[in-house]
């Protein structure tokens, strides 16, 4: 019985990796794509999508996406035991890390 062949692939110089920094215009475009992705996901989760808004705060190396919504929609955004927002945070942080920046998704806190 023969062992399977292991194929290794090296990245070509034209491929974008997290080690190579993006130019500021490309980075802003990637941040806007992240904002659109979050808005699209949350629009499908909540019953009243007209109240959703996403504000982007850009730091030196970190981008913070602030989610704005009505108090009634917060439970749908968080999900059972925080699973919905946890999954969205995982997706956004993975995508942004691949693009070369750090991203955080913050949801509003409503006190009673």
PDB file of N, CA and C in Angstrom:
ATOM      1  N   UNK A   1       0.837  -1.158   0.000  1.00  0.00           N
ATOM      2  CA  UNK A   1       0.000   0.000   0.000  1.00  0.00           C
ATOM      3  C   UNK A   1       0.898   1.242   0.000  1.00  0.00           C
ATOM      4  N   UNK A   2       0.604   2.183  -0.897  1.00  0.00           N
ATOM      5  CA  UNK A   2       1.433   3.379  -0.987  1.00  0.00           C
ATOM      6  C   UNK A   2       0.752   4.542  -0.261  1.00  0.00           C
ATOM      7  N   UNK A   3       1.579   5.429   0.244  1.00  0.00           N
ATOM      8  CA  UNK A   3       1.072   6.602   0.940  1.00  0.00           C
ATOM      9  C   UNK A   3       0.641   7.659  -0.070  1.00  0.00           C
ATOM     10  N   UNK A   4      -0.351   8.472   0.277  1.00  0.00           N
ATOM     11  CA  UNK A   4      -0.779   9.526  -0.658  1.00  0.00           C
ATOM     12  C   UNK A   4       0.307  10.590  -0.804  1.00  0.00           C
ATOM     13  N   UNK A   5       0.368  11.178  -1.974  1.00  0.00           N
ATOM     14  CA  UNK A   5       1.342  12.226  -2.227  1.00  0.00           C
ATOM     15  C   UNK A   5       0.902  13.512  -1.548  1.00  0.00           C
ATOM     16  N   UNK A   6       1.863  14.226  -1.013  1.00  0.00           N
ATOM     17  CA  UNK A   6       1.596  15.505  -0.381  1.00  0.00           C
ATOM     18  C   UNK A   6       1.976  16.598  -1.365  1.00  0.00           C
ATOM     19  N   UNK A   7       1.023  17.440  -1.678  1.00  0.00           N
ATOM     20  CA  UNK A   7       1.269  18.519  -2.624  1.00  0.00           C
ATOM     21  C   UNK A   7       1.338  19.824  -1.847  1.00  0.00           C
ATOM     22  N   UNK A   8       2.433  20.511  -1.986  1.00  0.00           N
ATOM     23  CA  UNK A   8       2.569  21.816  -1.337  1.00  0.00           C
ATOM     24  C   UNK A   8       2.477  22.898  -2.391  1.00  0.00           C
ATOM     25  N   UNK A   9       1.940  24.004  -1.984  1.00  0.00           N
ATOM     26  CA  UNK A   9       1.760  25.114  -2.907  1.00  0.00           C
ATOM     27  C   UNK A   9       2.290  26.370  -2.244  1.00  0.00           C
ATOM     28  N   UNK A  10       3.172  27.045  -2.915  1.00  0.00           N
ATOM     29  CA  UNK A  10       3.668  28.300  -2.374  1.00  0.00           C
ATOM     30  C   UNK A  10       2.892  29.449  -3.005  1.00  0.00           C
ATOM     31  N   UNK A  11       2.718  30.510  -2.241  1.00  0.00           N
ATOM     32  CA  UNK A  11       1.961  31.666  -2.727  1.00  0.00           C
ATOM     33  C   UNK A  11       2.778  32.405  -3.772  1.00  0.00           C
ATOM     34  N   UNK A  12       2.134  32.738  -4.852  1.00  0.00           N
ATOM     35  CA  UNK A  12       2.817  33.516  -5.884  1.00  0.00           C
ATOM     36  C   UNK A  12       2.894  34.972  -5.449  1.00  0.00           C
ATOM     37  N   UNK A  13       3.827  35.745  -5.969  1.00  0.00           N
ATOM     38  CA  UNK A  13       3.977  37.134  -5.551  1.00  0.00           C
ATOM     39  C   UNK A  13       2.744  37.996  -5.832  1.00  0.00           C
ATOM     40  N   UNK A  14       1.916  37.608  -6.780  1.00  0.00           N
ATOM     41  CA  UNK A  14       0.754  38.425  -7.110  1.00  0.00           C
ATOM     42  C   UNK A  14      -0.412  38.214  -6.151  1.00  0.00           C
ATOM     43  N   UNK A  15      -0.383  37.145  -5.343  1.00  0.00           N
ATOM     44  CA  UNK A  15      -1.474  36.869  -4.418  1.00  0.00           C
ATOM     45  C   UNK A  15      -1.359  37.748  -3.183  1.00  0.00           C
ATOM     46  N   UNK A  16      -2.500  38.229  -2.685  1.00  0.00           N
ATOM     47  CA  UNK A  16      -2.525  39.081  -1.510  1.00  0.00           C
ATOM     48  C   UNK A  16      -2.540  38.215  -0.258  1.00  0.00           C
ATOM     49  N   UNK A  17      -1.672  38.510   0.684  1.00  0.00           N
ATOM     50  CA  UNK A  17      -1.658  37.815   1.968  1.00  0.00           C
ATOM     51  C   UNK A  17      -1.772  38.838   3.077  1.00  0.00           C
ATOM     52  N   UNK A  18      -1.980  38.366   4.292  1.00  0.00           N
ATOM     53  CA  UNK A  18      -2.118  39.267   5.429  1.00  0.00           C
ATOM     54  C   UNK A  18      -0.800  39.947   5.760  1.00  0.00           C
ATOM     55  N   UNK A  19       0.342  39.394   5.307  1.00  0.00           N
ATOM     56  CA  UNK A  19       1.639  39.983   5.596  1.00  0.00           C
ATOM     57  C   UNK A  19       1.892  41.260   4.800  1.00  0.00           C
ATOM     58  N   UNK A  20       1.271  41.370   3.653  1.00  0.00           N
ATOM     59  CA  UNK A  20       1.478  42.555   2.835  1.00  0.00           C
ATOM     60  C   UNK A  20       0.381  43.568   3.139  1.00  0.00           C
ATOM     61  N   UNK A  21       0.755  44.775   3.576  1.00  0.00           N
ATOM     62  CA  UNK A  21      -0.268  45.760   3.912  1.00  0.00           C
ATOM     63  C   UNK A  21      -0.985  46.286   2.670  1.00  0.00           C
ATOM     64  N   UNK A  22      -2.253  46.568   2.826  1.00  0.00           N
ATOM     65  CA  UNK A  22      -3.042  47.107   1.737  1.00  0.00           C
ATOM     66  C   UNK A  22      -2.909  48.626   1.709  1.00  0.00           C
ATOM     67  N   UNK A  23      -3.100  49.211   0.538  1.00  0.00           N
ATOM     68  CA  UNK A  23      -3.081  50.666   0.449  1.00  0.00           C
ATOM     69  C   UNK A  23      -4.331  51.205   1.141  1.00  0.00           C
ATOM     70  N   UNK A  24      -4.305  52.454   1.595  1.00  0.00           N
ATOM     71  CA  UNK A  24      -5.439  52.989   2.361  1.00  0.00           C
ATOM     72  C   UNK A  24      -6.776  52.952   1.618  1.00  0.00           C
ATOM     73  N   UNK A  25      -6.775  53.187   0.319  1.00  0.00           N
ATOM     74  CA  UNK A  25      -8.046  53.154  -0.406  1.00  0.00           C
ATOM     75  C   UNK A  25      -8.606  51.739  -0.476  1.00  0.00           C
ATOM     76  N   UNK A  26      -7.746  50.763  -0.674  1.00  0.00           N
ATOM     77  CA  UNK A  26      -8.181  49.363  -0.707  1.00  0.00           C
ATOM     78  C   UNK A  26      -8.665  48.928   0.675  1.00  0.00           C
ATOM     79  N   UNK A  27      -7.985  49.398   1.722  1.00  0.00           N
ATOM     80  CA  UNK A  27      -8.373  49.066   3.088  1.00  0.00           C
ATOM     81  C   UNK A  27      -9.744  49.654   3.416  1.00  0.00           C
ATOM     82  N   UNK A  28     -10.004  50.886   2.987  1.00  0.00           N
ATOM     83  CA  UNK A  28     -11.322  51.488   3.205  1.00  0.00           C
ATOM     84  C   UNK A  28     -12.401  50.736   2.445  1.00  0.00           C
ATOM     85  N   UNK A  29     -12.062  50.254   1.270  1.00  0.00           N
ATOM     86  CA  UNK A  29     -13.011  49.461   0.487  1.00  0.00           C
ATOM     87  C   UNK A  29     -13.338  48.159   1.207  1.00  0.00           C
ATOM     88  N   UNK A  30     -12.338  47.524   1.788  1.00  0.00           N
ATOM     89  CA  UNK A  30     -12.554  46.276   2.538  1.00  0.00           C
ATOM     90  C   UNK A  30     -13.391  46.530   3.785  1.00  0.00           C
ATOM     91  N   UNK A  31     -13.165  47.664   4.455  1.00  0.00           N
ATOM     92  CA  UNK A  31     -13.974  48.011   5.627  1.00  0.00           C
ATOM     93  C   UNK A  31     -15.434  48.221   5.232  1.00  0.00           C
ATOM     94  N   UNK A  32     -15.655  48.872   4.103  1.00  0.00           N
ATOM     95  CA  UNK A  32     -17.018  49.094   3.622  1.00  0.00           C
ATOM     96  C   UNK A  32     -17.679  47.767   3.246  1.00  0.00           C
ATOM     97  N   UNK A  33     -16.923  46.849   2.669  1.00  0.00           N
ATOM     98  CA  UNK A  33     -17.468  45.521   2.362  1.00  0.00           C
ATOM     99  C   UNK A  33     -17.872  44.794   3.635  1.00  0.00           C
ATOM    100  N   UNK A  34     -17.086  44.935   4.697  1.00  0.00           N
ATOM    101  CA  UNK A  34     -17.424  44.337   5.986  1.00  0.00           C
ATOM    102  C   UNK A  34     -18.693  44.936   6.559  1.00  0.00           C
ATOM    103  N   UNK A  35     -18.855  46.270   6.432  1.00  0.00           N
ATOM    104  CA  UNK A  35     -20.063  46.935   6.911  1.00  0.00           C
ATOM    105  C   UNK A  35     -21.295  46.428   6.166  1.00  0.00           C
ATOM    106  N   UNK A  36     -21.152  46.281   4.852  1.00  0.00           N
ATOM    107  CA  UNK A  36     -22.272  45.777   4.038  1.00  0.00           C
ATOM    108  C   UNK A  36     -22.614  44.332   4.403  1.00  0.00           C
ATOM    109  N   UNK A  37     -21.598  43.533   4.682  1.00  0.00           N
ATOM    110  CA  UNK A  37     -21.843  42.142   5.066  1.00  0.00           C
ATOM    111  C   UNK A  37     -22.597  42.064   6.386  1.00  0.00           C
ATOM    112  N   UNK A  38     -22.171  42.835   7.370  1.00  0.00           N
ATOM    113  CA  UNK A  38     -22.856  42.839   8.666  1.00  0.00           C
ATOM    114  C   UNK A  38     -24.296  43.304   8.507  1.00  0.00           C
ATOM    115  N   UNK A  39     -24.490  44.371   7.743  1.00  0.00           N
ATOM    116  CA  UNK A  39     -25.835  44.898   7.535  1.00  0.00           C
ATOM    117  C   UNK A  39     -26.726  43.879   6.830  1.00  0.00           C
ATOM    118  N   UNK A  40     -26.180  43.179   5.850  1.00  0.00           N
ATOM    119  CA  UNK A  40     -26.951  42.157   5.143  1.00  0.00           C
ATOM    120  C   UNK A  40     -27.349  40.999   6.038  1.00  0.00           C
ATOM    121  N   UNK A  41     -26.422  40.553   6.872  1.00  0.00           N
ATOM    122  CA  UNK A  41     -26.721  39.452   7.789  1.00  0.00           C
ATOM    123  C   UNK A  41     -27.765  39.863   8.823  1.00  0.00           C
ATOM    124  N   UNK A  42     -27.590  41.047   9.401  1.00  0.00           N
ATOM    125  CA  UNK A  42     -28.523  41.493  10.431  1.00  0.00           C
ATOM    126  C   UNK A  42     -29.903  41.798   9.857  1.00  0.00           C
ATOM    127  N   UNK A  43     -29.955  42.259   8.619  1.00  0.00           N
ATOM    128  CA  UNK A  43     -31.239  42.538   7.978  1.00  0.00           C
ATOM    129  C   UNK A  43     -32.081  41.267   7.887  1.00  0.00           C
ATOM    130  N   UNK A  44     -31.433  40.152   7.623  1.00  0.00           N
ATOM    131  CA  UNK A  44     -32.150  38.879   7.532  1.00  0.00           C
ATOM    132  C   UNK A  44     -32.557  38.339   8.905  1.00  0.00           C
ATOM    133  N   UNK A  45     -31.884  38.783   9.971  1.00  0.00           N
ATOM    134  CA  UNK A  45     -32.172  38.271  11.307  1.00  0.00           C
ATOM    135  C   UNK A  45     -33.316  38.998  12.002  1.00  0.00           C
ATOM    136  N   UNK A  46     -33.405  40.300  11.835  1.00  0.00           N
ATOM    137  CA  UNK A  46     -34.364  41.081  12.614  1.00  0.00           C
ATOM    138  C   UNK A  46     -35.693  41.238  11.875  1.00  0.00           C
ATOM    139  N   UNK A  47     -36.749  41.509  12.647  1.00  0.00           N
ATOM    140  CA  UNK A  47     -38.067  41.682  12.039  1.00  0.00           C
ATOM    141  C   UNK A  47     -38.254  43.090  11.487  1.00  0.00           C
ATOM    142  N   UNK A  48     -37.619  44.105  12.093  1.00  0.00           N
ATOM    143  CA  UNK A  48     -37.726  45.486  11.633  1.00  0.00           C
ATOM    144  C   UNK A  48     -36.350  45.972  11.181  1.00  0.00           C
ATOM    145  N   UNK A  49     -36.036  45.740   9.915  1.00  0.00           N
ATOM    146  CA  UNK A  49     -34.699  46.080   9.416  1.00  0.00           C
ATOM    147  C   UNK A  49     -34.522  47.566   9.147  1.00  0.00           C
ATOM    148  N   UNK A  50     -35.608  48.343   9.188  1.00  0.00           N
ATOM    149  CA  UNK A  50     -35.476  49.780   8.936  1.00  0.00           C
ATOM    150  C   UNK A  50     -34.764  50.498  10.079  1.00  0.00           C
ATOM    151  N   UNK A  51     -34.729  49.888  11.254  1.00  0.00           N
ATOM    152  CA  UNK A  51     -34.083  50.520  12.407  1.00  0.00           C
ATOM    153  C   UNK A  51     -32.590  50.209  12.495  1.00  0.00           C
ATOM    154  N   UNK A  52     -32.069  49.370  11.617  1.00  0.00           N
ATOM    155  CA  UNK A  52     -30.659  48.989  11.668  1.00  0.00           C
ATOM    156  C   UNK A  52     -29.758  50.070  11.091  1.00  0.00           C
ATOM    157  N   UNK A  53     -28.630  50.251  11.742  1.00  0.00           N
ATOM    158  CA  UNK A  53     -27.579  51.114  11.201  1.00  0.00           C
ATOM    159  C   UNK A  53     -26.237  50.589  11.693  1.00  0.00           C
ATOM    160  N   UNK A  54     -25.219  50.772  10.879  1.00  0.00           N
ATOM    161  CA  UNK A  54     -23.874  50.329  11.245  1.00  0.00           C
ATOM    162  C   UNK A  54     -22.943  51.520  11.063  1.00  0.00           C
ATOM    163  N   UNK A  55     -22.326  51.962  12.152  1.00  0.00           N
ATOM    164  CA  UNK A  55     -21.344  53.036  12.100  1.00  0.00           C
ATOM    165  C   UNK A  55     -19.959  52.424  12.209  1.00  0.00           C
ATOM    166  N   UNK A  56     -19.036  52.928  11.412  1.00  0.00           N
ATOM    167  CA  UNK A  56     -17.679  52.390  11.385  1.00  0.00           C
ATOM    168  C   UNK A  56     -16.740  53.394  12.034  1.00  0.00           C
ATOM    169  N   UNK A  57     -15.991  52.919  13.024  1.00  0.00           N
ATOM    170  CA  UNK A  57     -14.977  53.734  13.684  1.00  0.00           C
ATOM    171  C   UNK A  57     -13.620  53.136  13.336  1.00  0.00           C
ATOM    172  N   UNK A  58     -12.782  53.916  12.688  1.00  0.00           N
ATOM    173  CA  UNK A  58     -11.500  53.415  12.200  1.00  0.00           C
ATOM    174  C   UNK A  58     -10.389  53.898  13.120  1.00  0.00           C
ATOM    175  N   UNK A  59      -9.626  52.949  13.636  1.00  0.00           N
ATOM    176  CA  UNK A  59      -8.456  53.265  14.437  1.00  0.00           C
ATOM    177  C   UNK A  59      -7.202  53.015  13.629  1.00  0.00           C
ATOM    178  N   UNK A  60      -6.072  53.022  14.296  1.00  0.00           N
ATOM    179  CA  UNK A  60      -4.805  52.812  13.598  1.00  0.00           C
ATOM    180  C   UNK A  60      -4.713  51.416  13.001  1.00  0.00           C
ATOM    181  N   UNK A  61      -5.069  50.398  13.795  1.00  0.00           N
ATOM    182  CA  UNK A  61      -5.018  49.021  13.306  1.00  0.00           C
ATOM    183  C   UNK A  61      -6.321  48.265  13.525  1.00  0.00           C
ATOM    184  N   UNK A  62      -7.301  48.900  14.158  1.00  0.00           N
ATOM    185  CA  UNK A  62      -8.543  48.228  14.494  1.00  0.00           C
ATOM    186  C   UNK A  62      -9.740  49.002  13.943  1.00  0.00           C
ATOM    187  N   UNK A  63     -10.689  48.277  13.414  1.00  0.00           N
ATOM    188  CA  UNK A  63     -11.940  48.850  12.934  1.00  0.00           C
ATOM    189  C   UNK A  63     -13.063  48.345  13.828  1.00  0.00           C
ATOM    190  N   UNK A  64     -13.876  49.269  14.322  1.00  0.00           N
ATOM    191  CA  UNK A  64     -14.988  48.906  15.198  1.00  0.00           C
ATOM    192  C   UNK A  64     -16.289  49.200  14.458  1.00  0.00           C
ATOM    193  N   UNK A  65     -17.113  48.175  14.323  1.00  0.00           N
ATOM    194  CA  UNK A  65     -18.423  48.307  13.704  1.00  0.00           C
ATOM    195  C   UNK A  65     -19.457  48.416  14.829  1.00  0.00           C
ATOM    196  N   UNK A  66     -20.094  49.594  14.972  1.00  0.00           N
ATOM    197  CA  UNK A  66     -21.115  49.817  15.987  1.00  0.00           C
ATOM    198  C   UNK A  66     -22.482  49.561  15.365  1.00  0.00           C
ATOM    199  N   UNK A  67     -23.209  48.611  15.918  1.00  0.00           N
ATOM    200  CA  UNK A  67     -24.535  48.267  15.413  1.00  0.00           C
ATOM    201  C   UNK A  67     -25.562  49.119  16.159  1.00  0.00           C
ATOM    202  N   UNK A  68     -26.434  49.762  15.407  1.00  0.00           N
ATOM    203  CA  UNK A  68     -27.523  50.528  15.989  1.00  0.00           C
ATOM    204  C   UNK A  68     -28.846  49.874  15.636  1.00  0.00           C
ATOM    205  N   UNK A  69     -29.724  49.721  16.630  1.00  0.00           N
ATOM    206  CA  UNK A  69     -31.032  49.100  16.385  1.00  0.00           C
ATOM    207  C   UNK A  69     -31.991  49.493  17.491  1.00  0.00           C
ATOM    208  N   UNK A  70     -33.252  49.130  17.312  1.00  0.00           N
ATOM    209  CA  UNK A  70     -34.257  49.344  18.353  1.00  0.00           C
ATOM    210  C   UNK A  70     -34.057  48.323  19.466  1.00  0.00           C
ATOM    211  N   UNK A  71     -34.580  48.654  20.623  1.00  0.00           N
ATOM    212  CA  UNK A  71     -34.475  47.773  21.780  1.00  0.00           C
ATOM    213  C   UNK A  71     -35.153  46.428  21.540  1.00  0.00           C
ATOM    214  N   UNK A  72     -36.216  46.423  20.738  1.00  0.00           N
ATOM    215  CA  UNK A  72     -36.969  45.200  20.479  1.00  0.00           C
ATOM    216  C   UNK A  72     -36.190  44.208  19.605  1.00  0.00           C
ATOM    217  N   UNK A  73     -35.223  44.687  18.850  1.00  0.00           N
ATOM    218  CA  UNK A  73     -34.479  43.835  17.918  1.00  0.00           C
ATOM    219  C   UNK A  73     -33.226  43.213  18.527  1.00  0.00           C
ATOM    220  N   UNK A  74     -32.850  43.648  19.703  1.00  0.00           N
ATOM    221  CA  UNK A  74     -31.571  43.213  20.269  1.00  0.00           C
ATOM    222  C   UNK A  74     -31.539  41.716  20.542  1.00  0.00           C
ATOM    223  N   UNK A  75     -32.659  41.137  20.942  1.00  0.00           N
ATOM    224  CA  UNK A  75     -32.715  39.702  21.199  1.00  0.00           C
ATOM    225  C   UNK A  75     -32.517  38.884  19.938  1.00  0.00           C
ATOM    226  N   UNK A  76     -33.052  39.366  18.830  1.00  0.00           N
ATOM    227  CA  UNK A  76     -32.887  38.664  17.557  1.00  0.00           C
ATOM    228  C   UNK A  76     -31.445  38.764  17.065  1.00  0.00           C
ATOM    229  N   UNK A  77     -30.796  39.892  17.331  1.00  0.00           N
ATOM    230  CA  UNK A  77     -29.398  40.057  16.922  1.00  0.00           C
ATOM    231  C   UNK A  77     -28.492  39.155  17.753  1.00  0.00           C
ATOM    232  N   UNK A  78     -28.722  39.125  19.068  1.00  0.00           N
ATOM    233  CA  UNK A  78     -27.867  38.305  19.935  1.00  0.00           C
ATOM    234  C   UNK A  78     -28.100  36.817  19.716  1.00  0.00           C
ATOM    235  N   UNK A  79     -29.354  36.417  19.596  1.00  0.00           N
ATOM    236  CA  UNK A  79     -29.660  35.007  19.418  1.00  0.00           C
ATOM    237  C   UNK A  79     -29.599  34.244  20.721  1.00  0.00           C
ATOM    238  N   UNK A  80     -29.896  32.969  20.644  1.00  0.00           N
ATOM    239  CA  UNK A  80     -29.879  32.115  21.820  1.00  0.00           C
ATOM    240  C   UNK A  80     -28.451  31.935  22.330  1.00  0.00           C
ATOM    241  N   UNK A  81     -28.233  32.357  23.576  1.00  0.00           N
ATOM    242  CA  UNK A  81     -26.923  32.287  24.222  1.00  0.00           C
ATOM    243  C   UNK A  81     -25.838  33.028  23.436  1.00  0.00           C
ATOM    244  N   UNK A  82     -26.233  34.036  22.650  1.00  0.00           N
ATOM    245  CA  UNK A  82     -25.271  34.848  21.917  1.00  0.00           C
ATOM    246  C   UNK A  82     -24.706  34.190  20.676  1.00  0.00           C
ATOM    247  N   UNK A  83     -25.366  33.183  20.177  1.00  0.00           N
ATOM    248  CA  UNK A  83     -24.841  32.432  19.037  1.00  0.00           C
ATOM    249  C   UNK A  83     -24.848  33.251  17.745  1.00  0.00           C
ATOM    250  N   UNK A  84     -25.911  34.032  17.519  1.00  0.00           N
ATOM    251  CA  UNK A  84     -25.979  34.816  16.280  1.00  0.00           C
ATOM    252  C   UNK A  84     -24.851  35.841  16.209  1.00  0.00           C
ATOM    253  N   UNK A  85     -24.727  36.658  17.243  1.00  0.00           N
ATOM    254  CA  UNK A  85     -23.698  37.697  17.214  1.00  0.00           C
ATOM    255  C   UNK A  85     -22.303  37.074  17.290  1.00  0.00           C
ATOM    256  N   UNK A  86     -22.184  35.946  17.959  1.00  0.00           N
ATOM    257  CA  UNK A  86     -20.900  35.242  18.007  1.00  0.00           C
ATOM    258  C   UNK A  86     -20.453  34.781  16.636  1.00  0.00           C
ATOM    259  N   UNK A  87     -21.397  34.260  15.864  1.00  0.00           N
ATOM    260  CA  UNK A  87     -21.072  33.809  14.510  1.00  0.00           C
ATOM    261  C   UNK A  87     -20.711  34.982  13.610  1.00  0.00           C
ATOM    262  N   UNK A  88     -21.438  36.087  13.729  1.00  0.00           N
ATOM    263  CA  UNK A  88     -21.135  37.266  12.924  1.00  0.00           C
ATOM    264  C   UNK A  88     -19.760  37.822  13.287  1.00  0.00           C
ATOM    265  N   UNK A  89     -19.461  37.875  14.576  1.00  0.00           N
ATOM    266  CA  UNK A  89     -18.133  38.364  15.013  1.00  0.00           C
ATOM    267  C   UNK A  89     -17.020  37.465  14.491  1.00  0.00           C
ATOM    268  N   UNK A  90     -17.239  36.169  14.510  1.00  0.00           N
ATOM    269  CA  UNK A  90     -16.231  35.239  13.999  1.00  0.00           C
ATOM    270  C   UNK A  90     -15.997  35.444  12.514  1.00  0.00           C
ATOM    271  N   UNK A  91     -17.065  35.574  11.743  1.00  0.00           N
ATOM    272  CA  UNK A  91     -16.935  35.810  10.303  1.00  0.00           C
ATOM    273  C   UNK A  91     -16.184  37.097  10.009  1.00  0.00           C
ATOM    274  N   UNK A  92     -16.575  38.175  10.652  1.00  0.00           N
ATOM    275  CA  UNK A  92     -15.964  39.473  10.376  1.00  0.00           C
ATOM    276  C   UNK A  92     -14.501  39.495  10.809  1.00  0.00           C
ATOM    277  N   UNK A  93     -14.189  38.929  11.955  1.00  0.00           N
ATOM    278  CA  UNK A  93     -12.793  38.935  12.396  1.00  0.00           C
ATOM    279  C   UNK A  93     -11.919  38.058  11.502  1.00  0.00           C
ATOM    280  N   UNK A  94     -12.457  36.955  11.009  1.00  0.00           N
ATOM    281  CA  UNK A  94     -11.701  36.089  10.105  1.00  0.00           C
ATOM    282  C   UNK A  94     -11.452  36.769   8.763  1.00  0.00           C
ATOM    283  N   UNK A  95     -12.488  37.389   8.220  1.00  0.00           N
ATOM    284  CA  UNK A  95     -12.353  38.062   6.931  1.00  0.00           C
ATOM    285  C   UNK A  95     -11.397  39.244   7.037  1.00  0.00           C
ATOM    286  N   UNK A  96     -11.539  40.024   8.100  1.00  0.00           N
ATOM    287  CA  UNK A  96     -10.678  41.197   8.244  1.00  0.00           C
ATOM    288  C   UNK A  96      -9.227  40.806   8.506  1.00  0.00           C
ATOM    289  N   UNK A  97      -8.999  39.746   9.256  1.00  0.00           N
ATOM    290  CA  UNK A  97      -7.629  39.292   9.502  1.00  0.00           C
ATOM    291  C   UNK A  97      -6.962  38.870   8.201  1.00  0.00           C
ATOM    292  N   UNK A  98      -7.720  38.255   7.339  1.00  0.00           N
ATOM    293  CA  UNK A  98      -7.182  37.859   6.037  1.00  0.00           C
ATOM    294  C   UNK A  98      -6.827  39.075   5.183  1.00  0.00           C
ATOM    295  N   UNK A  99      -7.571  40.162   5.383  1.00  0.00           N
ATOM    296  CA  UNK A  99      -7.323  41.396   4.631  1.00  0.00           C
ATOM    297  C   UNK A  99      -6.256  42.268   5.275  1.00  0.00           C
ATOM    298  N   UNK A 100      -5.861  41.958   6.493  1.00  0.00           N
ATOM    299  CA  UNK A 100      -4.751  42.669   7.121  1.00  0.00           C
ATOM    300  C   UNK A 100      -5.127  43.703   8.163  1.00  0.00           C
ATOM    301  N   UNK A 101      -6.333  43.646   8.724  1.00  0.00           N
ATOM    302  CA  UNK A 101      -6.693  44.547   9.808  1.00  0.00           C
ATOM    303  C   UNK A 101      -7.567  43.808  10.810  1.00  0.00           C
ATOM    304  N   UNK A 102      -7.753  44.406  11.969  1.00  0.00           N
ATOM    305  CA  UNK A 102      -8.534  43.797  13.045  1.00  0.00           C
ATOM    306  C   UNK A 102      -9.906  44.445  13.076  1.00  0.00           C
ATOM    307  N   UNK A 103     -10.948  43.667  13.314  1.00  0.00           N
ATOM    308  CA  UNK A 103     -12.309  44.203  13.347  1.00  0.00           C
ATOM    309  C   UNK A 103     -13.054  43.687  14.559  1.00  0.00           C
ATOM    310  N   UNK A 104     -13.872  44.565  15.138  1.00  0.00           N
ATOM    311  CA  UNK A 104     -14.701  44.256  16.296  1.00  0.00           C
ATOM    312  C   UNK A 104     -16.120  44.677  15.965  1.00  0.00           C
ATOM    313  N   UNK A 105     -17.098  43.844  16.331  1.00  0.00           N
ATOM    314  CA  UNK A 105     -18.509  44.183  16.149  1.00  0.00           C
ATOM    315  C   UNK A 105     -19.103  44.426  17.534  1.00  0.00           C
ATOM    316  N   UNK A 106     -19.594  45.651  17.750  1.00  0.00           N
ATOM    317  CA  UNK A 106     -20.212  46.007  19.032  1.00  0.00           C
ATOM    318  C   UNK A 106     -21.709  46.182  18.851  1.00  0.00           C
ATOM    319  N   UNK A 107     -22.465  45.634  19.790  1.00  0.00           N
ATOM    320  CA  UNK A 107     -23.925  45.793  19.776  1.00  0.00           C
ATOM    321  C   UNK A 107     -24.318  46.725  20.908  1.00  0.00           C
ATOM    322  N   UNK A 108     -25.458  47.410  20.788  1.00  0.00           N
ATOM    323  CA  UNK A 108     -25.848  48.357  21.839  1.00  0.00           C
ATOM    324  C   UNK A 108     -26.255  47.656  23.119  1.00  0.00           C
ATOM    325  N   UNK A 109     -26.114  48.373  24.210  1.00  0.00           N
ATOM    326  CA  UNK A 109     -26.549  47.877  25.501  1.00  0.00           C
ATOM    327  C   UNK A 109     -27.702  48.751  25.977  1.00  0.00           C
ATOM    328  N   UNK A 110     -28.819  48.114  26.279  1.00  0.00           N
ATOM    329  CA  UNK A 110     -29.985  48.829  26.765  1.00  0.00           C
ATOM    330  C   UNK A 110     -30.202  48.446  28.218  1.00  0.00           C
ATOM    331  N   UNK A 111     -30.136  49.412  29.106  1.00  0.00           N
ATOM    332  CA  UNK A 111     -30.414  49.113  30.509  1.00  0.00           C
ATOM    333  C   UNK A 111     -31.898  49.322  30.785  1.00  0.00           C
ATOM    334  N   UNK A 112     -32.426  48.547  31.701  1.00  0.00           N
ATOM    335  CA  UNK A 112     -33.865  48.636  32.014  1.00  0.00           C
ATOM    336  C   UNK A 112     -34.152  49.741  32.988  1.00  0.00           C
TER     337      UNK A 112
END
